[in-house]
Structures are given as C-alpha cells and as structure tokens.
Amino acid sequence: MAAGLLVGGAIAALLAAAVPAQGAGSSFEDPPPDKIVIKVATVNGSGCPAGTAAVAVSGDNTAFTVTYSDYLAQAGGNSDPTAFRKNCQLNLLVHVPAGFTYAIASVDYRGFAALQRGASGVQRASYYFQGSPSTAFRTHTYNGPLNDNWQATDTTDWAQLVWAPCGVQRNFNINTELRANAGTSTGTSFMAMDSTDGDIDTIYHLAWQQCPAK
C-alpha cells in the first residue's frame, strides 16, 4: 500500500550529551548562515529496507526531513506473525557551521491507522547522540475502532533542550517504531507512517545556540 505522510514538528528532550553551561553561549532563534550537512551513516530496520529512507535538509537550515516509503506494521487476520512490529534506526553524521551547536526542538509524526475494534497501535521514538549515557523515549497509543489519519506531536521547552556537544563530532541516532496489536479483534489491523499520496516525511525542527568562545 502506498501512503504518505507529512510529518512536521516535535520531540526533543533527546539524549544526554553535554549541555553548554547556562550563559556560556547566546541563544538564537535564527539559524546560522552556513549550511548544515546531514549524511546517513547507517540505516537499518524492518521499517526502512535498503533504498526506502532518505534525509534532506531545509533550505533555511531550520529543519531536516527523513522520508520513508515502506513503513507499516500489521497484525491479525492472515498477517505475517513477524509483521506486528516495524522499526527503523538512522545513524546520522551531522556537520554544523563552526561555532554553533543544535538540538531537536520538535517533531511531528503523522500516518494512517486501520484498527479493528479491540485492536491497538503504538508509535514510539527515541533519540540520542553517540556516546550519550541515556535515551529519551516518547510513546503514543491508539485504540480501535479507528480508520483514519493519526498524528503524534512531542515538543520540548527551550530550557529542557539537550544540545550536541561543542567542538566534537557526535553522530545522531534516531530510533522509531510502529506496533500493531490484534488484541481481541479478529480482522486485520495496521499502523502506517504513510498516506494515499506517497512517501512519509518526518520533519525534525532544529534549535540553534552559539558555542562558548574558546
């Protein structure tokens, strides 16, 4: 099934990388003028088989978009027993302009769910910088009967943002997961990050902060 999704805004208390000390740098609502460059180091998971995930950076440096084309979890009926859970892990190499750091300020996920009465679906995401000792998770659950678009939004206040450490290169990891649970239902249910018009996009909005002077 082709289905697309437009995702635009929200999660962010990611990880635990070193946070610049209060007052050590200035905060900026506007992004730095130089371009950020994001490359996919690795992509792995049943929700993003080879060739089905791509990353693009917005022209104004305020967001990057991860696009999927084959991300659907299904349970019940004649579904494959292993299809109830799909996941995708992206390991991204992020180059930011000199003197700046970034945090994920928001992410908005949208998709389509066809859940029978008694079935449920789950969308989950986590984020962390390479070498971070902890990971932040966000989970959203949807209960049947449901045959409609779904949307999950997570935001983080500026004071709670976790910034990439200044002066070192740390890969950024994004883990997403979809689950479909048949529960007491008898028919087929699914959760998809997609819609009838194409691929699914997940847009990660960036906050910027200037690193302290050495």
N, C-alpha and C. Protein backbone atom coordinates (compact mmCIF):
# COMPACT_ATOMS: atom_id res chain seq x y z
N MET A 1 0.84 -1.18 0.00
CA MET A 1 0.00 0.00 0.00
C MET A 1 0.87 1.22 0.00
N ALA A 2 0.55 2.14 -0.85
CA ALA A 2 1.33 3.37 -0.88
C ALA A 2 0.66 4.34 0.05
N ALA A 3 1.38 5.08 0.78
CA ALA A 3 0.74 6.02 1.65
C ALA A 3 1.75 6.97 2.14
N GLY A 4 1.46 8.12 2.38
CA GLY A 4 2.48 9.07 2.59
C GLY A 4 2.33 9.79 3.84
N LEU A 5 3.00 10.58 4.24
CA LEU A 5 2.81 11.20 5.49
C LEU A 5 3.60 12.40 5.55
N LEU A 6 3.03 13.30 6.10
CA LEU A 6 3.72 14.54 6.19
C LEU A 6 3.95 14.73 7.65
N VAL A 7 5.13 14.82 8.07
CA VAL A 7 5.39 14.94 9.47
C VAL A 7 6.09 16.23 9.73
N GLY A 8 5.64 17.02 10.63
CA GLY A 8 6.28 18.28 10.78
C GLY A 8 6.38 18.79 12.15
N GLY A 9 6.88 18.47 13.05
CA GLY A 9 7.18 19.14 14.24
C GLY A 9 7.40 18.59 15.51
N ALA A 10 8.12 17.90 16.22
CA ALA A 10 8.07 17.80 17.63
C ALA A 10 8.89 16.96 18.47
N ILE A 11 9.64 16.38 18.87
CA ILE A 11 10.06 15.71 20.06
C ILE A 11 11.36 16.26 20.46
N ALA A 12 11.71 16.30 21.47
CA ALA A 12 13.02 16.72 21.71
C ALA A 12 13.55 16.54 23.04
N ALA A 13 13.44 16.19 23.93
CA ALA A 13 14.32 16.01 25.05
C ALA A 13 15.10 14.82 24.66
N LEU A 14 16.00 14.88 23.84
CA LEU A 14 16.70 13.69 23.49
C LEU A 14 17.70 13.43 24.56
N LEU A 15 18.50 12.83 24.35
CA LEU A 15 19.72 12.32 24.87
C LEU A 15 20.38 13.09 25.97
N ALA A 16 21.54 12.60 26.25
CA ALA A 16 22.28 13.22 27.30
C ALA A 16 23.66 13.47 26.80
N ALA A 17 23.80 14.46 25.99
CA ALA A 17 25.13 14.91 25.62
C ALA A 17 25.36 16.16 26.43
N ALA A 18 26.61 16.59 26.48
CA ALA A 18 26.92 17.72 27.35
C ALA A 18 26.13 18.94 26.92
N VAL A 19 25.50 19.59 27.87
CA VAL A 19 24.73 20.79 27.60
C VAL A 19 25.61 21.99 27.91
N PRO A 20 25.70 22.97 27.00
CA PRO A 20 26.50 24.15 27.29
C PRO A 20 26.03 24.82 28.56
N ALA A 21 26.96 25.30 29.35
CA ALA A 21 26.62 25.91 30.63
C ALA A 21 25.74 27.12 30.43
N GLN A 22 24.86 27.36 31.38
CA GLN A 22 23.95 28.50 31.32
C GLN A 22 24.76 29.78 31.17
N GLY A 23 24.45 30.55 30.13
CA GLY A 23 25.13 31.81 29.94
C GLY A 23 26.45 31.67 29.19
N ALA A 24 26.87 30.43 28.91
CA ALA A 24 28.14 30.26 28.23
C ALA A 24 28.05 30.67 26.77
N GLY A 25 26.87 30.55 26.17
CA GLY A 25 26.69 30.93 24.78
C GLY A 25 25.38 31.64 24.61
N SER A 26 25.22 32.32 23.48
CA SER A 26 23.99 33.05 23.22
C SER A 26 23.02 32.14 22.47
N SER A 27 21.72 32.31 22.74
CA SER A 27 20.70 31.54 22.05
C SER A 27 20.23 32.30 20.82
N PHE A 28 19.91 31.57 19.77
CA PHE A 28 19.49 32.18 18.53
C PHE A 28 18.21 31.53 18.05
N GLU A 29 17.23 32.36 17.74
CA GLU A 29 16.04 31.83 17.10
C GLU A 29 16.32 31.60 15.62
N ASP A 30 17.20 32.43 15.04
CA ASP A 30 17.54 32.28 13.63
C ASP A 30 18.72 31.34 13.48
N PRO A 31 18.71 30.51 12.45
CA PRO A 31 19.82 29.58 12.25
C PRO A 31 21.06 30.32 11.76
N PRO A 32 22.23 29.74 11.94
CA PRO A 32 23.45 30.34 11.40
C PRO A 32 23.40 30.34 9.88
N PRO A 33 24.18 31.24 9.24
CA PRO A 33 24.06 31.41 7.79
C PRO A 33 24.61 30.24 6.98
N ASP A 34 25.62 29.54 7.49
CA ASP A 34 26.20 28.45 6.73
C ASP A 34 25.26 27.26 6.72
N LYS A 35 25.48 26.38 5.76
CA LYS A 35 24.61 25.22 5.61
C LYS A 35 24.99 24.11 6.60
N ILE A 36 23.97 23.43 7.08
CA ILE A 36 24.25 22.18 7.78
C ILE A 36 24.27 21.08 6.73
N VAL A 37 25.04 20.05 7.00
CA VAL A 37 25.13 18.92 6.08
C VAL A 37 24.84 17.66 6.87
N ILE A 38 23.87 16.90 6.43
CA ILE A 38 23.48 15.67 7.11
C ILE A 38 23.65 14.51 6.15
N LYS A 39 24.42 13.52 6.57
CA LYS A 39 24.60 12.31 5.79
C LYS A 39 24.15 11.11 6.60
N VAL A 40 23.57 10.14 5.94
CA VAL A 40 23.14 8.91 6.61
C VAL A 40 24.35 7.98 6.69
N ALA A 41 24.82 7.74 7.91
CA ALA A 41 25.93 6.82 8.11
C ALA A 41 25.45 5.38 7.95
N THR A 42 24.36 5.05 8.64
CA THR A 42 23.74 3.73 8.50
C THR A 42 22.23 3.87 8.63
N VAL A 43 21.52 2.98 8.00
CA VAL A 43 20.07 2.88 8.15
C VAL A 43 19.73 1.40 8.24
N ASN A 44 18.96 1.06 9.25
CA ASN A 44 18.73 -0.36 9.49
C ASN A 44 17.37 -0.56 10.15
N GLY A 45 16.63 -1.55 9.71
CA GLY A 45 15.37 -1.87 10.37
C GLY A 45 14.34 -2.38 9.39
N SER A 46 13.37 -3.10 9.93
CA SER A 46 12.32 -3.68 9.10
C SER A 46 11.39 -2.63 8.51
N GLY A 47 11.36 -1.43 9.11
CA GLY A 47 10.50 -0.36 8.59
C GLY A 47 11.19 0.50 7.55
N CYS A 48 12.47 0.27 7.32
CA CYS A 48 13.20 1.08 6.34
C CYS A 48 14.19 0.21 5.58
N PRO A 49 13.71 -0.75 4.81
CA PRO A 49 14.61 -1.58 4.00
C PRO A 49 15.50 -0.71 3.10
N ALA A 50 16.57 -1.27 2.62
CA ALA A 50 17.52 -0.53 1.80
C ALA A 50 16.82 0.22 0.68
N GLY A 51 17.13 1.49 0.56
CA GLY A 51 16.58 2.31 -0.50
C GLY A 51 15.24 2.94 -0.20
N THR A 52 14.70 2.76 1.03
CA THR A 52 13.36 3.30 1.33
C THR A 52 13.39 4.46 2.33
N ALA A 53 14.58 4.93 2.73
CA ALA A 53 14.67 6.07 3.64
C ALA A 53 15.69 7.05 3.09
N ALA A 54 15.39 8.34 3.20
CA ALA A 54 16.29 9.38 2.71
C ALA A 54 16.19 10.59 3.62
N VAL A 55 17.26 11.40 3.66
CA VAL A 55 17.32 12.58 4.52
C VAL A 55 17.60 13.80 3.66
N ALA A 56 16.86 14.89 3.91
CA ALA A 56 17.09 16.15 3.21
C ALA A 56 17.05 17.29 4.22
N VAL A 57 17.85 18.33 3.98
CA VAL A 57 17.92 19.49 4.87
C VAL A 57 17.17 20.65 4.23
N SER A 58 16.39 21.37 5.03
CA SER A 58 15.63 22.50 4.51
C SER A 58 16.57 23.62 4.07
N GLY A 59 16.12 24.42 3.13
CA GLY A 59 16.94 25.49 2.61
C GLY A 59 17.30 26.56 3.63
N ASP A 60 16.47 26.71 4.67
CA ASP A 60 16.75 27.75 5.66
C ASP A 60 17.46 27.21 6.90
N ASN A 61 17.89 25.94 6.85
CA ASN A 61 18.66 25.33 7.95
C ASN A 61 17.89 25.17 9.25
N THR A 62 16.59 25.22 9.21
CA THR A 62 15.82 25.10 10.45
C THR A 62 15.24 23.71 10.65
N ALA A 63 15.42 22.82 9.70
CA ALA A 63 14.80 21.50 9.82
C ALA A 63 15.49 20.53 8.89
N PHE A 64 15.36 19.24 9.21
CA PHE A 64 15.71 18.22 8.23
C PHE A 64 14.58 17.20 8.18
N THR A 65 14.43 16.57 7.05
CA THR A 65 13.31 15.68 6.79
C THR A 65 13.82 14.27 6.50
N VAL A 66 13.25 13.31 7.18
CA VAL A 66 13.52 11.90 6.88
C VAL A 66 12.28 11.35 6.18
N THR A 67 12.47 10.80 5.00
CA THR A 67 11.36 10.30 4.19
C THR A 67 11.43 8.78 4.10
N TYR A 68 10.30 8.14 4.38
CA TYR A 68 10.19 6.67 4.30
C TYR A 68 9.17 6.30 3.23
N SER A 69 9.32 5.14 2.64
CA SER A 69 8.35 4.70 1.64
C SER A 69 7.82 3.29 1.89
N ASP A 70 8.25 2.66 2.99
CA ASP A 70 7.80 1.28 3.24
C ASP A 70 7.79 1.02 4.75
N TYR A 71 6.86 1.68 5.46
CA TYR A 71 6.89 1.64 6.93
C TYR A 71 5.48 1.33 7.42
N LEU A 72 5.17 0.06 7.66
CA LEU A 72 3.82 -0.36 8.04
C LEU A 72 3.90 -1.59 8.92
N ALA A 73 3.22 -1.54 10.06
CA ALA A 73 3.11 -2.68 10.97
C ALA A 73 1.69 -3.23 10.89
N GLN A 74 1.54 -4.56 10.89
CA GLN A 74 0.24 -5.19 10.66
C GLN A 74 0.07 -6.41 11.55
N ALA A 75 -1.15 -6.62 12.02
CA ALA A 75 -1.44 -7.77 12.89
C ALA A 75 -2.86 -8.24 12.65
N GLY A 76 -3.13 -9.49 13.04
CA GLY A 76 -4.47 -10.04 12.92
C GLY A 76 -4.73 -10.61 11.53
N GLY A 77 -5.84 -11.32 11.38
CA GLY A 77 -6.20 -11.89 10.10
C GLY A 77 -5.13 -12.84 9.61
N ASN A 78 -4.72 -12.67 8.35
CA ASN A 78 -3.69 -13.52 7.75
C ASN A 78 -2.32 -12.86 7.75
N SER A 79 -2.12 -11.90 8.66
CA SER A 79 -0.85 -11.17 8.70
C SER A 79 0.31 -12.09 9.06
N ASP A 80 1.46 -11.80 8.52
CA ASP A 80 2.68 -12.50 8.92
C ASP A 80 2.90 -12.27 10.41
N PRO A 81 3.17 -13.30 11.18
CA PRO A 81 3.35 -13.14 12.63
C PRO A 81 4.46 -12.16 13.02
N THR A 82 5.41 -11.92 12.11
CA THR A 82 6.51 -11.01 12.42
C THR A 82 6.22 -9.57 12.01
N ALA A 83 5.06 -9.33 11.38
CA ALA A 83 4.78 -8.01 10.82
C ALA A 83 4.18 -7.04 11.84
N PHE A 84 3.92 -7.51 13.07
CA PHE A 84 3.24 -6.65 14.04
C PHE A 84 4.12 -5.49 14.51
N ARG A 85 5.44 -5.61 14.36
CA ARG A 85 6.35 -4.56 14.80
C ARG A 85 7.31 -4.22 13.66
N LYS A 86 7.41 -2.92 13.36
CA LYS A 86 8.40 -2.43 12.41
C LYS A 86 9.20 -1.30 13.08
N ASN A 87 10.48 -1.25 12.77
CA ASN A 87 11.30 -0.21 13.37
C ASN A 87 12.32 0.29 12.35
N CYS A 88 12.89 1.44 12.66
CA CYS A 88 13.94 1.99 11.82
C CYS A 88 14.93 2.75 12.69
N GLN A 89 16.20 2.45 12.52
CA GLN A 89 17.25 3.19 13.22
C GLN A 89 18.12 3.89 12.19
N LEU A 90 18.21 5.22 12.33
CA LEU A 90 19.06 6.03 11.47
C LEU A 90 20.23 6.54 12.29
N ASN A 91 21.42 6.37 11.75
CA ASN A 91 22.61 6.94 12.36
C ASN A 91 23.09 8.04 11.42
N LEU A 92 23.01 9.29 11.87
CA LEU A 92 23.27 10.43 11.01
C LEU A 92 24.56 11.14 11.40
N LEU A 93 25.32 11.51 10.40
CA LEU A 93 26.50 12.34 10.58
C LEU A 93 26.08 13.77 10.28
N VAL A 94 26.09 14.62 11.31
CA VAL A 94 25.60 15.99 11.18
C VAL A 94 26.76 16.97 11.30
N HIS A 95 27.01 17.73 10.24
CA HIS A 95 28.02 18.79 10.27
C HIS A 95 27.31 20.12 10.41
N VAL A 96 27.64 20.86 11.46
CA VAL A 96 27.01 22.15 11.69
C VAL A 96 28.04 23.25 11.48
N PRO A 97 27.62 24.48 11.18
CA PRO A 97 28.57 25.58 11.00
C PRO A 97 29.46 25.76 12.23
N ALA A 98 30.70 26.16 12.00
CA ALA A 98 31.65 26.35 13.08
C ALA A 98 31.12 27.35 14.10
N GLY A 99 31.27 27.00 15.37
CA GLY A 99 30.87 27.91 16.44
C GLY A 99 29.43 27.75 16.89
N PHE A 100 28.71 26.79 16.31
CA PHE A 100 27.31 26.60 16.68
C PHE A 100 27.06 25.15 17.10
N THR A 101 26.00 24.97 17.87
CA THR A 101 25.51 23.65 18.21
C THR A 101 24.01 23.61 17.95
N TYR A 102 23.42 22.44 18.04
CA TYR A 102 21.99 22.31 17.73
C TYR A 102 21.33 21.32 18.67
N ALA A 103 20.01 21.42 18.75
CA ALA A 103 19.18 20.45 19.47
C ALA A 103 17.92 20.24 18.65
N ILE A 104 17.26 19.11 18.86
CA ILE A 104 15.99 18.85 18.18
C ILE A 104 14.88 19.46 19.02
N ALA A 105 14.24 20.47 18.48
CA ALA A 105 13.23 21.21 19.23
C ALA A 105 11.85 20.59 19.12
N SER A 106 11.54 19.99 17.98
CA SER A 106 10.21 19.41 17.83
C SER A 106 10.18 18.42 16.67
N VAL A 107 9.24 17.49 16.77
CA VAL A 107 9.00 16.54 15.69
C VAL A 107 7.51 16.22 15.69
N ASP A 108 6.94 16.13 14.51
CA ASP A 108 5.52 15.79 14.39
C ASP A 108 5.40 14.60 13.46
N TYR A 109 4.81 13.53 13.95
CA TYR A 109 4.61 12.31 13.17
C TYR A 109 3.16 12.21 12.75
N ARG A 110 2.93 11.80 11.52
CA ARG A 110 1.57 11.55 11.06
C ARG A 110 1.54 10.30 10.22
N GLY A 111 0.42 9.61 10.27
CA GLY A 111 0.27 8.41 9.46
C GLY A 111 -1.18 8.03 9.31
N PHE A 112 -1.40 6.80 8.95
CA PHE A 112 -2.76 6.28 8.80
C PHE A 112 -2.88 4.98 9.59
N ALA A 113 -4.02 4.81 10.26
CA ALA A 113 -4.27 3.60 11.04
C ALA A 113 -5.60 3.00 10.64
N ALA A 114 -5.61 1.69 10.48
CA ALA A 114 -6.85 0.92 10.28
C ALA A 114 -6.86 -0.13 11.38
N LEU A 115 -7.51 0.21 12.48
CA LEU A 115 -7.51 -0.66 13.67
C LEU A 115 -8.92 -1.17 13.92
N GLN A 116 -9.06 -2.49 13.98
CA GLN A 116 -10.35 -3.10 14.28
C GLN A 116 -10.71 -2.86 15.75
N ARG A 117 -12.00 -3.00 16.06
CA ARG A 117 -12.42 -2.90 17.46
C ARG A 117 -11.69 -3.98 18.28
N GLY A 118 -11.08 -3.56 19.37
CA GLY A 118 -10.31 -4.48 20.19
C GLY A 118 -8.83 -4.49 19.88
N ALA A 119 -8.42 -3.86 18.76
CA ALA A 119 -7.01 -3.78 18.38
C ALA A 119 -6.44 -2.44 18.83
N SER A 120 -5.11 -2.32 18.77
CA SER A 120 -4.46 -1.06 19.14
C SER A 120 -3.18 -0.91 18.32
N GLY A 121 -2.69 0.31 18.29
CA GLY A 121 -1.45 0.60 17.59
C GLY A 121 -0.59 1.51 18.44
N VAL A 122 0.72 1.44 18.25
CA VAL A 122 1.67 2.23 19.04
C VAL A 122 2.71 2.86 18.11
N GLN A 123 2.99 4.12 18.34
CA GLN A 123 4.12 4.80 17.70
C GLN A 123 5.08 5.22 18.79
N ARG A 124 6.37 4.92 18.61
CA ARG A 124 7.37 5.22 19.63
C ARG A 124 8.61 5.77 18.95
N ALA A 125 9.30 6.68 19.64
CA ALA A 125 10.53 7.24 19.08
C ALA A 125 11.52 7.53 20.20
N SER A 126 12.80 7.42 19.88
CA SER A 126 13.85 7.80 20.83
C SER A 126 15.00 8.42 20.06
N TYR A 127 15.80 9.22 20.77
CA TYR A 127 16.85 10.00 20.14
C TYR A 127 18.05 10.06 21.08
N TYR A 128 19.25 9.97 20.53
CA TYR A 128 20.43 10.14 21.37
C TYR A 128 21.65 10.43 20.51
N PHE A 129 22.59 11.17 21.08
CA PHE A 129 23.87 11.40 20.44
C PHE A 129 24.79 10.23 20.75
N GLN A 130 25.67 9.92 19.83
CA GLN A 130 26.66 8.87 20.02
C GLN A 130 27.43 9.12 21.32
N GLY A 131 27.54 8.10 22.16
CA GLY A 131 28.24 8.23 23.42
C GLY A 131 27.40 8.74 24.56
N SER A 132 26.13 9.03 24.29
CA SER A 132 25.25 9.52 25.34
C SER A 132 24.87 8.38 26.29
N PRO A 133 24.85 8.64 27.60
CA PRO A 133 24.53 7.58 28.56
C PRO A 133 23.05 7.28 28.71
N SER A 134 22.18 8.11 28.16
CA SER A 134 20.75 7.86 28.34
C SER A 134 19.99 8.23 27.08
N THR A 135 18.77 7.74 27.01
CA THR A 135 17.92 7.94 25.84
C THR A 135 16.54 8.38 26.29
N ALA A 136 15.96 9.34 25.58
CA ALA A 136 14.61 9.79 25.88
C ALA A 136 13.63 9.10 24.93
N PHE A 137 12.52 8.59 25.48
CA PHE A 137 11.51 7.91 24.70
C PHE A 137 10.20 8.68 24.74
N ARG A 138 9.44 8.62 23.66
CA ARG A 138 8.08 9.14 23.61
C ARG A 138 7.20 8.08 22.96
N THR A 139 6.06 7.78 23.59
CA THR A 139 5.18 6.72 23.11
C THR A 139 3.76 7.25 22.97
N HIS A 140 3.09 6.88 21.90
CA HIS A 140 1.69 7.26 21.66
C HIS A 140 0.91 6.00 21.28
N THR A 141 -0.24 5.81 21.93
CA THR A 141 -1.05 4.62 21.71
C THR A 141 -2.41 5.01 21.12
N TYR A 142 -2.89 4.22 20.18
CA TYR A 142 -4.17 4.46 19.51
C TYR A 142 -5.00 3.18 19.59
N ASN A 143 -6.28 3.33 19.94
CA ASN A 143 -7.16 2.18 20.13
C ASN A 143 -8.24 2.12 19.06
N GLY A 144 -8.56 0.90 18.61
CA GLY A 144 -9.63 0.71 17.66
C GLY A 144 -11.00 0.76 18.34
N PRO A 145 -12.05 0.98 17.57
CA PRO A 145 -12.02 1.07 16.11
C PRO A 145 -11.50 2.43 15.64
N LEU A 146 -10.63 2.40 14.65
CA LEU A 146 -10.05 3.62 14.08
C LEU A 146 -9.71 3.34 12.63
N ASN A 147 -10.17 4.20 11.76
CA ASN A 147 -9.86 4.09 10.33
C ASN A 147 -9.66 5.50 9.81
N ASP A 148 -8.49 6.06 10.13
CA ASP A 148 -8.29 7.48 9.87
C ASP A 148 -6.81 7.82 10.00
N ASN A 149 -6.48 9.06 9.66
CA ASN A 149 -5.14 9.55 9.88
C ASN A 149 -4.88 9.69 11.37
N TRP A 150 -3.63 9.51 11.77
CA TRP A 150 -3.24 9.75 13.16
C TRP A 150 -2.08 10.75 13.17
N GLN A 151 -1.95 11.44 14.28
CA GLN A 151 -0.87 12.41 14.42
C GLN A 151 -0.34 12.37 15.84
N ALA A 152 0.98 12.40 15.99
CA ALA A 152 1.63 12.43 17.30
C ALA A 152 2.62 13.57 17.32
N THR A 153 2.52 14.42 18.32
CA THR A 153 3.39 15.58 18.41
C THR A 153 4.05 15.63 19.77
N ASP A 154 5.35 15.83 19.77
CA ASP A 154 6.11 15.98 21.01
C ASP A 154 6.95 17.24 20.90
N THR A 155 6.94 18.04 21.95
CA THR A 155 7.74 19.25 21.96
C THR A 155 8.55 19.34 23.25
N THR A 156 9.61 20.13 23.20
CA THR A 156 10.45 20.33 24.37
C THR A 156 10.68 21.82 24.58
N ASP A 157 10.49 22.30 25.80
CA ASP A 157 10.75 23.69 26.11
C ASP A 157 12.23 24.00 25.91
N TRP A 158 12.53 25.25 25.58
CA TRP A 158 13.91 25.66 25.32
C TRP A 158 14.84 25.28 26.47
N ALA A 159 14.39 25.47 27.69
CA ALA A 159 15.25 25.20 28.85
C ALA A 159 15.57 23.72 28.99
N GLN A 160 14.76 22.85 28.39
CA GLN A 160 14.94 21.41 28.52
C GLN A 160 15.67 20.78 27.33
N LEU A 161 16.02 21.57 26.35
CA LEU A 161 16.69 21.02 25.18
C LEU A 161 18.05 20.46 25.55
N VAL A 162 18.42 19.40 24.89
CA VAL A 162 19.74 18.80 25.09
C VAL A 162 20.55 19.06 23.81
N TRP A 163 21.66 19.76 23.97
CA TRP A 163 22.42 20.23 22.83
C TRP A 163 23.54 19.26 22.46
N ALA A 164 23.85 19.21 21.18
CA ALA A 164 25.03 18.47 20.74
C ALA A 164 26.26 19.13 21.35
N PRO A 165 27.23 18.34 21.80
CA PRO A 165 28.42 18.92 22.43
C PRO A 165 29.21 19.76 21.43
N CYS A 166 29.73 20.88 21.90
CA CYS A 166 30.50 21.77 21.04
C CYS A 166 31.90 21.21 20.79
N GLY A 167 32.38 21.40 19.58
CA GLY A 167 33.77 21.10 19.28
C GLY A 167 34.10 19.65 19.02
N VAL A 168 33.12 18.76 19.04
CA VAL A 168 33.38 17.35 18.75
C VAL A 168 32.30 16.84 17.81
N GLN A 169 32.64 15.82 17.05
CA GLN A 169 31.68 15.22 16.14
C GLN A 169 31.01 14.03 16.81
N ARG A 170 29.71 14.11 17.01
CA ARG A 170 28.94 13.01 17.58
C ARG A 170 27.80 12.66 16.63
N ASN A 171 27.78 11.45 16.16
CA ASN A 171 26.67 11.03 15.31
C ASN A 171 25.36 11.08 16.09
N PHE A 172 24.28 11.34 15.36
CA PHE A 172 22.97 11.48 15.96
C PHE A 172 22.13 10.27 15.56
N ASN A 173 21.54 9.60 16.54
CA ASN A 173 20.76 8.39 16.30
C ASN A 173 19.27 8.66 16.51
N ILE A 174 18.48 8.19 15.55
CA ILE A 174 17.03 8.29 15.62
C ILE A 174 16.46 6.88 15.53
N ASN A 175 15.69 6.50 16.53
CA ASN A 175 15.03 5.19 16.52
C ASN A 175 13.52 5.40 16.53
N THR A 176 12.83 4.87 15.55
CA THR A 176 11.37 4.94 15.54
C THR A 176 10.79 3.53 15.45
N GLU A 177 9.56 3.39 15.91
CA GLU A 177 8.93 2.07 15.96
C GLU A 177 7.43 2.21 15.78
N LEU A 178 6.84 1.29 15.04
CA LEU A 178 5.40 1.14 14.93
C LEU A 178 5.02 -0.27 15.37
N ARG A 179 3.91 -0.38 16.10
CA ARG A 179 3.39 -1.69 16.50
C ARG A 179 1.89 -1.75 16.23
N ALA A 180 1.44 -2.91 15.78
CA ALA A 180 0.01 -3.19 15.64
C ALA A 180 -0.30 -4.40 16.51
N ASN A 181 -1.28 -4.26 17.38
CA ASN A 181 -1.66 -5.34 18.30
C ASN A 181 -3.09 -5.76 17.99
N ALA A 182 -3.27 -7.03 17.65
CA ALA A 182 -4.60 -7.52 17.29
C ALA A 182 -5.55 -7.50 18.48
N GLY A 183 -5.05 -7.73 19.69
CA GLY A 183 -5.91 -7.73 20.87
C GLY A 183 -7.03 -8.75 20.74
N THR A 184 -8.24 -8.28 21.00
CA THR A 184 -9.40 -9.17 20.93
C THR A 184 -10.07 -9.17 19.56
N SER A 185 -9.50 -8.43 18.62
CA SER A 185 -10.11 -8.33 17.29
C SER A 185 -9.88 -9.60 16.48
N THR A 186 -10.64 -9.76 15.40
CA THR A 186 -10.49 -10.94 14.54
C THR A 186 -9.99 -10.57 13.15
N GLY A 187 -10.12 -9.32 12.75
CA GLY A 187 -9.70 -8.90 11.42
C GLY A 187 -8.27 -8.40 11.39
N THR A 188 -7.86 -7.87 10.26
CA THR A 188 -6.52 -7.33 10.08
C THR A 188 -6.49 -5.86 10.47
N SER A 189 -5.46 -5.47 11.22
CA SER A 189 -5.25 -4.08 11.62
C SER A 189 -3.84 -3.66 11.24
N PHE A 190 -3.66 -2.37 10.97
CA PHE A 190 -2.31 -1.90 10.67
C PHE A 190 -2.11 -0.46 11.13
N MET A 191 -0.86 -0.13 11.37
CA MET A 191 -0.39 1.24 11.65
C MET A 191 0.66 1.55 10.60
N ALA A 192 0.50 2.69 9.92
CA ALA A 192 1.46 3.07 8.89
C ALA A 192 1.88 4.51 9.07
N MET A 193 3.14 4.79 8.79
CA MET A 193 3.58 6.16 8.63
C MET A 193 3.57 6.41 7.13
N ASP A 194 2.38 6.66 6.60
CA ASP A 194 2.20 6.93 5.18
C ASP A 194 0.76 7.35 4.92
N SER A 195 0.47 7.72 3.66
CA SER A 195 -0.89 8.06 3.29
C SER A 195 -1.09 7.72 1.83
N THR A 196 -2.22 8.08 1.28
CA THR A 196 -2.54 7.61 -0.06
C THR A 196 -1.75 8.33 -1.14
N ASP A 197 -0.99 9.36 -0.80
CA ASP A 197 -0.35 10.09 -1.87
C ASP A 197 1.17 10.02 -1.86
N GLY A 198 1.76 9.05 -1.27
CA GLY A 198 3.19 8.93 -1.46
C GLY A 198 3.95 8.51 -0.24
N ASP A 199 5.12 9.10 -0.10
CA ASP A 199 6.02 8.71 0.97
C ASP A 199 5.64 9.40 2.28
N ILE A 200 6.31 8.99 3.35
CA ILE A 200 6.10 9.65 4.61
C ILE A 200 7.30 10.50 4.95
N ASP A 201 7.04 11.65 5.48
CA ASP A 201 8.10 12.56 5.87
C ASP A 201 8.06 12.78 7.37
N THR A 202 9.19 12.78 7.98
CA THR A 202 9.31 13.15 9.38
C THR A 202 10.22 14.36 9.45
N ILE A 203 9.72 15.47 9.91
CA ILE A 203 10.49 16.70 9.90
C ILE A 203 10.96 17.02 11.32
N TYR A 204 12.25 17.15 11.47
CA TYR A 204 12.85 17.46 12.76
C TYR A 204 13.25 18.93 12.75
N HIS A 205 12.64 19.71 13.62
CA HIS A 205 12.92 21.14 13.67
C HIS A 205 14.07 21.42 14.64
N LEU A 206 15.00 22.24 14.20
CA LEU A 206 16.22 22.47 14.96
C LEU A 206 16.18 23.78 15.74
N ALA A 207 16.76 23.76 16.92
CA ALA A 207 17.06 24.98 17.67
C ALA A 207 18.57 25.18 17.59
N TRP A 208 19.00 26.43 17.58
CA TRP A 208 20.43 26.75 17.43
C TRP A 208 20.95 27.51 18.64
N GLN A 209 22.20 27.31 18.96
CA GLN A 209 22.84 28.04 20.05
C GLN A 209 24.32 28.21 19.69
N GLN A 210 24.87 29.37 20.02
CA GLN A 210 26.27 29.63 19.74
C GLN A 210 27.13 28.99 20.83
N CYS A 211 28.18 28.31 20.40
CA CYS A 211 29.10 27.70 21.36
C CYS A 211 29.90 28.76 22.09
N PRO A 212 30.32 28.50 23.34
CA PRO A 212 31.14 29.46 24.07
C PRO A 212 32.49 29.64 23.38
N ALA A 213 33.00 30.84 23.42
CA ALA A 213 34.31 31.11 22.82
C ALA A 213 35.40 30.37 23.56
N LYS A 214 36.36 29.87 22.81
CA LYS A 214 37.47 29.13 23.44
C LYS A 214 38.46 30.12 24.04
